[in-house]
Protein backbone atom coordinates (compact mmCIF):
# COMPACT_ATOMS: atom_id res chain seq x y z
CA MET A 1 0.00 0.00 0.00
CA THR A 2 1.16 3.53 -0.77
CA HIS A 3 0.10 6.48 1.39
CA ARG A 4 -0.65 9.82 -0.28
CA VAL A 5 0.18 12.62 2.16
CA ARG A 6 1.13 16.28 2.16
CA GLY A 7 4.77 17.19 2.63
CA VAL A 8 7.14 20.15 2.31
CA ILE A 9 9.90 19.85 -0.26
CA ALA A 10 12.83 21.92 -1.50
CA ARG A 11 12.78 21.38 -5.24
CA SER A 12 15.91 23.34 -6.18
CA LYS A 13 18.69 25.35 -4.57
CA GLY A 14 17.49 28.58 -2.97
CA ALA A 15 13.92 28.29 -4.24
CA PRO A 16 11.07 28.74 -1.73
CA VAL A 17 9.83 25.47 -0.28
CA GLU A 18 6.50 24.11 -1.45
CA THR A 19 3.79 21.91 -0.01
CA THR A 20 2.86 19.06 -2.30
CA THR A 21 1.62 15.47 -2.38
CA ILE A 22 4.17 12.78 -1.62
CA LEU A 23 3.90 9.01 -1.76
CA VAL A 24 5.02 6.99 1.26
CA PRO A 25 5.25 3.18 0.99
CA ASP A 26 4.28 0.69 3.67
CA PRO A 27 7.26 -0.31 5.83
CA GLY A 28 9.50 -3.13 4.70
CA PRO A 29 12.05 -5.08 6.76
CA GLY A 30 13.64 -2.91 9.43
CA GLU A 31 11.35 0.05 8.71
CA ALA A 32 8.56 1.94 10.48
CA LEU A 33 5.78 4.16 9.17
CA VAL A 34 5.22 7.12 11.50
CA GLN A 35 2.27 9.49 11.66
CA VAL A 36 4.04 12.77 12.41
CA LYS A 37 2.52 14.82 15.23
CA ALA A 38 5.00 17.72 15.37
CA CYS A 39 8.24 18.79 13.69
CA GLY A 40 10.52 21.69 14.57
CA VAL A 41 11.91 24.09 11.97
CA CYS A 42 15.68 23.65 12.33
CA HIS A 43 18.46 25.64 10.67
CA THR A 44 19.71 22.42 9.09
CA ASP A 45 16.54 22.31 6.98
CA LEU A 46 17.41 25.76 5.67
CA HIS A 47 20.92 24.49 4.88
CA TYR A 48 19.30 21.75 2.79
CA ARG A 49 17.15 24.26 0.93
CA GLU A 50 20.20 26.42 0.21
CA GLY A 51 22.26 23.47 -1.07
CA GLY A 52 24.61 23.66 1.90
CA ILE A 53 24.40 19.92 2.68
CA ASN A 54 24.50 18.36 -0.79
CA ASP A 55 22.79 18.76 -4.16
CA GLU A 56 20.53 15.71 -4.04
CA PHE A 57 17.35 17.69 -4.76
CA PRO A 58 14.43 17.44 -4.29
CA PHE A 59 14.57 17.20 -0.52
CA LEU A 60 11.74 16.23 1.78
CA LEU A 61 12.53 18.57 4.66
CA GLY A 62 12.02 18.21 8.41
CA HIS A 63 13.81 15.99 10.91
CA GLU A 64 13.20 17.27 14.46
CA ALA A 65 10.01 15.35 15.11
CA SER A 66 7.73 13.20 17.22
CA GLY A 67 4.86 10.99 16.15
CA ILE A 68 2.88 7.78 16.49
CA VAL A 69 4.08 4.54 14.93
CA GLU A 70 1.40 3.46 12.46
CA ALA A 71 2.98 0.28 11.10
CA VAL A 72 6.27 -1.62 11.24
CA GLY A 73 8.10 -4.06 9.00
CA PRO A 74 7.81 -7.81 9.57
CA ASP A 75 11.04 -8.13 11.56
CA VAL A 76 10.73 -5.05 13.79
CA THR A 77 10.47 -5.66 17.54
CA SER A 78 11.86 -2.44 19.06
CA VAL A 79 8.66 -0.44 18.48
CA ALA A 80 5.05 -1.31 17.74
CA PRO A 81 2.01 0.41 16.24
CA GLY A 82 0.62 2.96 18.67
CA ASP A 83 3.95 3.82 20.30
CA PHE A 84 4.68 7.51 20.79
CA VAL A 85 8.22 8.11 19.51
CA VAL A 86 10.82 10.81 19.01
CA LEU A 87 12.64 10.44 15.69
CA ASN A 88 16.42 10.51 15.58
CA TRP A 89 18.94 10.64 12.76
CA ARG A 90 21.55 8.38 14.39
CA ALA A 91 20.07 4.87 14.37
CA VAL A 92 23.08 2.98 15.66
CA CYS A 93 24.14 -0.21 13.91
CA GLY A 94 25.52 -2.16 16.87
CA ASN A 95 28.27 -3.70 14.74
CA CYS A 96 30.74 -0.98 13.69
CA ARG A 97 34.05 -0.42 15.46
CA ALA A 98 32.58 2.40 17.63
CA CYS A 99 29.61 0.31 18.73
CA LYS A 100 31.81 -2.69 19.49
CA ARG A 101 34.07 -0.51 21.63
CA GLY A 102 31.06 0.47 23.74
CA ARG A 103 30.76 3.95 22.22
CA PRO A 104 27.56 3.71 20.15
CA TRP A 105 27.01 7.48 20.26
CA TYR A 106 29.91 7.63 17.77
CA CYS A 107 28.36 4.96 15.50
CA PHE A 108 30.02 5.10 12.07
CA ALA A 109 27.31 3.17 10.23
CA THR A 110 23.98 4.70 11.20
CA HIS A 111 21.15 3.69 8.90
CA ASN A 112 17.91 4.93 7.37
CA ALA A 113 14.93 3.43 5.58
CA THR A 114 15.85 1.65 2.36
CA GLN A 115 12.63 2.30 0.44
CA ALA A 116 12.15 5.70 -1.14
CA MET A 117 9.44 8.26 -0.63
CA THR A 118 8.56 9.92 -3.92
CA LEU A 119 6.61 12.62 -5.68
CA GLU A 120 3.51 11.57 -7.62
CA ASP A 121 5.51 11.35 -10.85
CA GLY A 122 7.91 8.87 -9.24
CA THR A 123 10.73 11.33 -8.54
CA ARG A 124 12.72 10.01 -5.58
CA LEU A 125 12.91 12.35 -2.58
CA SER A 126 15.97 12.80 -0.36
CA PRO A 127 14.67 12.95 3.23
CA ALA A 128 16.48 15.48 5.43
CA LEU A 129 18.85 13.61 7.75
CA GLY A 130 17.15 10.41 6.65
CA ILE A 131 13.84 11.45 8.23
CA GLY A 132 11.76 13.87 6.13
CA ALA A 133 9.18 14.82 8.78
CA PHE A 134 7.59 17.92 7.26
CA ALA A 135 4.97 15.45 6.14
CA GLU A 136 1.81 13.91 7.55
CA LYS A 137 3.54 10.53 7.50
CA THR A 138 7.14 9.48 6.98
CA LEU A 139 9.07 6.25 6.52
CA VAL A 140 12.18 5.69 8.66
CA ALA A 141 14.40 2.89 9.90
CA ALA A 142 12.85 1.41 13.02
CA GLY A 143 16.05 2.29 14.91
CA GLN A 144 15.28 5.95 14.25
CA CYS A 145 12.21 5.66 16.50
CA THR A 146 12.75 6.07 20.24
CA LYS A 147 9.75 5.26 22.41
CA VAL A 148 9.01 7.86 25.11
CA ASP A 149 6.22 8.64 27.57
CA PRO A 150 3.09 9.65 25.58
CA ALA A 151 2.18 12.19 28.28
CA ALA A 152 4.76 14.56 26.78
CA SER A 153 3.71 17.37 24.46
CA PRO A 154 4.53 16.30 20.88
CA ALA A 155 5.83 19.79 20.04
CA ALA A 156 8.24 19.79 22.97
CA ALA A 157 9.28 16.14 22.71
CA GLY A 158 10.15 16.38 19.03
CA LEU A 159 12.79 19.01 19.70
CA LEU A 160 14.95 16.34 21.31
CA GLY A 161 15.31 14.92 17.80
CA CYS A 162 17.95 17.50 16.89
CA GLY A 163 18.73 20.99 18.19
CA VAL A 164 17.71 20.76 21.82
CA MET A 165 19.44 17.39 22.21
CA ALA A 166 22.56 18.82 20.57
CA GLY A 167 22.74 21.61 23.14
CA LEU A 168 21.78 19.54 26.16
CA GLY A 169 24.27 16.87 25.16
CA ALA A 170 27.06 19.38 24.56
CA ALA A 171 26.83 20.23 28.26
CA LEU A 172 25.82 16.90 29.79
CA ASN A 173 27.66 14.41 27.59
CA THR A 174 30.51 16.06 25.70
CA GLY A 175 31.38 18.80 28.20
CA ASP A 176 30.67 16.56 31.20
CA VAL A 177 29.59 19.59 33.21
CA GLY A 178 29.56 18.79 36.92
CA ARG A 179 28.16 20.24 40.13
CA GLY A 180 29.75 23.55 40.98
CA ASP A 181 31.38 24.07 37.57
CA SER A 182 31.50 27.40 35.78
CA VAL A 183 30.16 27.26 32.23
CA ALA A 184 30.08 29.81 29.42
CA VAL A 185 27.89 29.40 26.34
CA ILE A 186 28.73 31.49 23.29
CA GLY A 187 25.72 31.84 20.98
CA CYS A 188 22.25 31.58 22.50
CA GLY A 189 19.98 30.35 19.75
CA GLY A 190 18.10 27.09 20.16
CA VAL A 191 21.22 24.94 20.55
CA GLY A 192 23.08 27.38 22.81
CA ASN A 193 20.11 27.90 25.08
CA ALA A 194 19.68 24.14 25.32
CA ALA A 195 23.31 24.02 26.47
CA VAL A 196 22.42 26.60 29.12
CA ALA A 197 19.54 24.38 30.26
CA GLY A 198 21.86 21.37 30.26
CA ALA A 199 24.44 23.15 32.39
CA ARG A 200 21.72 24.08 34.87
CA LEU A 201 20.46 20.50 34.95
CA ALA A 202 24.02 19.30 35.67
CA GLY A 203 24.33 21.60 38.67
CA ALA A 204 26.71 24.23 37.31
CA ALA A 205 27.23 27.03 39.83
CA LYS A 206 27.81 29.77 37.28
CA ILE A 207 26.35 29.85 33.76
CA ILE A 208 27.44 32.73 31.52
CA ALA A 209 25.43 33.33 28.35
CA VAL A 210 27.06 35.28 25.50
CA ASP A 211 25.27 36.73 22.48
CA VAL A 212 24.74 39.89 20.44
CA ASP A 213 20.94 39.81 20.78
CA ASP A 214 19.17 41.02 23.92
CA ARG A 215 16.19 38.79 23.19
CA LYS A 216 18.35 35.66 23.10
CA LEU A 217 20.13 36.68 26.29
CA GLY A 218 16.72 37.08 27.91
CA TRP A 219 15.77 33.55 26.85
CA ALA A 220 19.06 32.31 28.30
CA LYS A 221 18.32 33.90 31.68
CA GLY A 222 14.93 32.20 31.70
CA LEU A 223 16.58 28.83 31.06
CA GLY A 224 19.16 29.13 33.81
CA ALA A 225 21.92 31.60 32.90
CA THR A 226 23.25 33.35 35.99
CA HIS A 227 25.10 36.03 34.01
CA THR A 228 24.94 37.46 30.49
CA VAL A 229 27.54 39.09 28.26
CA ASP A 230 26.57 41.37 25.38
CA ALA A 231 29.23 40.64 22.76
CA ARG A 232 28.38 43.86 20.90
CA THR A 233 29.70 46.02 23.71
CA GLU A 234 31.96 43.80 25.83
CA ASP A 235 35.20 41.94 25.23
CA VAL A 236 33.92 38.38 25.55
CA VAL A 237 37.12 36.80 26.88
CA LYS A 238 37.71 39.55 29.43
CA ALA A 239 34.08 39.44 30.56
CA ILE A 240 34.07 35.68 31.10
CA ARG A 241 37.40 35.83 32.94
CA SER A 242 36.14 38.67 35.12
CA LEU A 243 33.09 36.60 36.08
CA THR A 244 35.24 33.59 36.98
CA GLY A 245 37.81 35.12 39.29
CA GLY A 246 40.14 35.95 36.42
CA HIS A 247 40.66 32.32 35.51
CA GLY A 248 38.15 31.50 32.78
CA ALA A 249 35.28 29.00 32.77
CA ASP A 250 35.67 25.29 33.44
CA VAL A 251 33.67 24.52 30.29
CA VAL A 252 33.05 26.84 27.35
CA ILE A 253 30.48 25.74 24.77
CA GLU A 254 30.71 27.36 21.35
CA ALA A 255 27.29 27.20 19.69
CA VAL A 256 27.92 29.51 16.72
CA GLY A 257 30.40 27.61 14.56
CA ARG A 258 32.70 30.44 13.52
CA PRO A 259 36.49 30.82 13.89
CA GLU A 260 36.15 34.13 15.77
CA THR A 261 33.83 32.73 18.40
CA TYR A 262 35.82 29.52 18.70
CA GLU A 263 38.93 31.57 19.44
CA GLN A 264 36.98 33.43 22.12
CA ALA A 265 35.95 30.08 23.61
CA PHE A 266 39.54 28.83 23.55
CA TYR A 267 40.90 31.79 25.49
CA ALA A 268 37.89 32.12 27.80
CA ARG A 269 38.41 28.70 29.43
CA ASP A 270 40.40 28.03 32.55
CA LEU A 271 43.71 26.15 32.40
CA ALA A 272 42.91 22.48 31.84
CA GLY A 273 39.36 23.52 30.99
CA THR A 274 37.23 22.16 28.17
CA VAL A 275 36.04 23.75 24.93
CA VAL A 276 33.07 22.12 23.23
CA LEU A 277 32.28 23.00 19.61
CA VAL A 278 28.62 22.29 18.88
CA GLY A 279 28.04 25.11 16.38
CA VAL A 280 28.38 23.81 12.82
CA PRO A 281 31.01 25.58 10.66
CA THR A 282 30.92 25.81 6.88
CA PRO A 283 33.53 24.01 4.72
CA GLU A 284 35.61 27.06 3.89
CA MET A 285 36.22 28.17 7.49
CA LYS A 286 39.77 27.92 8.85
CA LEU A 287 41.11 28.21 12.39
CA GLU A 288 44.57 29.44 13.33
CA LEU A 289 45.86 29.17 16.91
CA PRO A 290 49.43 29.28 18.26
CA LEU A 291 50.35 25.64 18.84
CA LEU A 292 52.19 26.63 22.01
CA ASP A 293 48.90 27.97 23.42
CA VAL A 294 47.16 24.70 22.60
CA PHE A 295 49.91 22.83 24.43
CA GLY A 296 50.33 25.28 27.29
CA ARG A 297 46.66 25.57 28.23
CA GLY A 298 46.08 21.83 28.48
CA GLY A 299 42.56 20.59 28.93
CA ALA A 300 40.41 19.33 26.11
CA LEU A 301 39.14 20.63 22.77
CA LYS A 302 36.07 18.62 21.76
CA SER A 303 33.48 18.55 19.03
CA SER A 304 29.95 17.49 19.94
CA TRP A 305 28.09 15.43 17.34
CA TYR A 306 24.37 15.43 18.10
CA GLY A 307 25.27 16.09 21.72
CA ASP A 308 27.08 12.72 21.76
CA CYS A 309 23.67 11.30 22.56
CA LEU A 310 22.44 7.75 22.57
CA PRO A 311 18.74 8.20 21.78
CA GLU A 312 17.51 5.05 23.51
CA ARG A 313 19.33 6.13 26.68
CA ASP A 314 18.88 9.90 26.61
CA PHE A 315 15.44 10.61 25.10
CA PRO A 316 13.33 8.70 27.67
CA LEU A 317 15.37 10.14 30.55
CA LEU A 318 15.02 13.71 29.32
CA ILE A 319 11.30 13.28 28.71
CA ASP A 320 10.93 12.00 32.27
CA LEU A 321 12.78 15.08 33.56
CA TYR A 322 10.48 17.26 31.43
CA LEU A 323 7.38 15.62 32.88
CA GLN A 324 8.79 16.11 36.40
CA GLY A 325 9.14 19.84 35.70
CA ARG A 326 12.95 19.74 35.88
CA LEU A 327 13.60 20.44 32.18
CA ASP A 328 11.51 23.13 30.49
CA LEU A 329 11.27 21.87 26.91
CA ASP A 330 8.11 23.96 26.39
CA ALA A 331 10.24 27.11 26.66
CA PHE A 332 11.88 26.24 23.35
CA VAL A 333 8.56 26.20 21.45
CA SER A 334 8.17 29.82 20.39
CA GLU A 335 5.19 29.16 18.12
CA THR A 336 3.24 26.39 16.45
CA ILE A 337 2.50 26.68 12.74
CA PRO A 338 0.70 24.78 9.97
CA LEU A 339 2.59 22.73 7.39
CA ASP A 340 2.40 25.49 4.79
CA GLY A 341 4.06 27.99 7.17
CA VAL A 342 7.60 26.62 6.91
CA GLU A 343 8.95 29.21 4.47
CA GLU A 344 7.82 32.09 6.69
CA ALA A 345 9.25 30.29 9.71
CA PHE A 346 12.65 30.16 8.01
CA ALA A 347 12.56 33.96 7.73
CA ARG A 348 11.65 34.41 11.40
CA MET A 349 14.42 32.00 12.37
CA GLU A 350 17.00 33.95 10.37
CA ARG A 351 15.86 37.20 12.03
CA GLY A 352 16.36 35.61 15.44
CA GLU A 353 12.73 36.06 16.42
CA VAL A 354 12.15 32.48 17.62
CA LEU A 355 13.90 29.66 19.43
CA ARG A 356 11.81 27.14 17.50
CA SER A 357 8.81 27.27 15.24
CA VAL A 358 7.08 23.88 15.34
CA VAL A 359 4.80 22.43 12.69
CA GLU A 360 1.85 20.69 14.34
CA PHE A 361 -0.36 18.18 12.56
């Protein structure tokens, strides 16, 4: 059986997205058909539209989603029809060298559905991050479905599928923030503010939010920042050092992905401190640092891939914390929009007016 549903596609580089009919097949071996309940509008989707990921147009956009499993392939046992799930784009294989070393969050062979979703004329669609959830239904690998408590708001839960998990994980997993630590977060969009929330959850004593936008700094304070630094008017490194006894922060999380802000993060950490890069740079960006400073400052320089998360471990735990009132995922949902509002949501995102716009079905 083939399902005819509405979905949002990017047909060509830079062109406005469009809502059209897509065809979704029934799940085969290892696959699950998911009725999408909510999907966040993430900057990565805009990168797809602009050709910044690859040129495999047309793309079925959307990847930061939650939904209800409608059907599964004949060999699937991890989820069942009726399960409420958060979708993830790192379905671990269990067999690669990272998985066998007990580090599945680094899995080098993550997988997606093998069958294609198509346009009505048969044109094969490339689903964003192997998900394609700006659609009423989508087909994914069963391992991309993580069962969570259905009491959670679909709009809030879906954000764990990408940006919010990336920020939370940058603090909790990659940065290993501990009780009493000082933490600075440079860049307070959705990912950066999730890192602020993660640092608070970990028990950091001092959380310094850095941005050039008063609105984003206000969001950061609401999510747990104890101090803010306006990078338009203050020297970021000096400000962070001043707030940490002249030493620098124990962990500095760079959530912008630019050489200038990474250099700020590098020099704003304490000796033997940790820098975590979770902001995504573009291919042409270069970084130049004195090698003696890299050696002399010690510590760790880390990159955070998807918050170094393991969905089956992290998603249910974080949803439980959300339902207990200890993690305010609702604060990241700036607005809910219909499926045909994605293009306008991209514009609001670029203007910094929202943490997340979320498509609700």
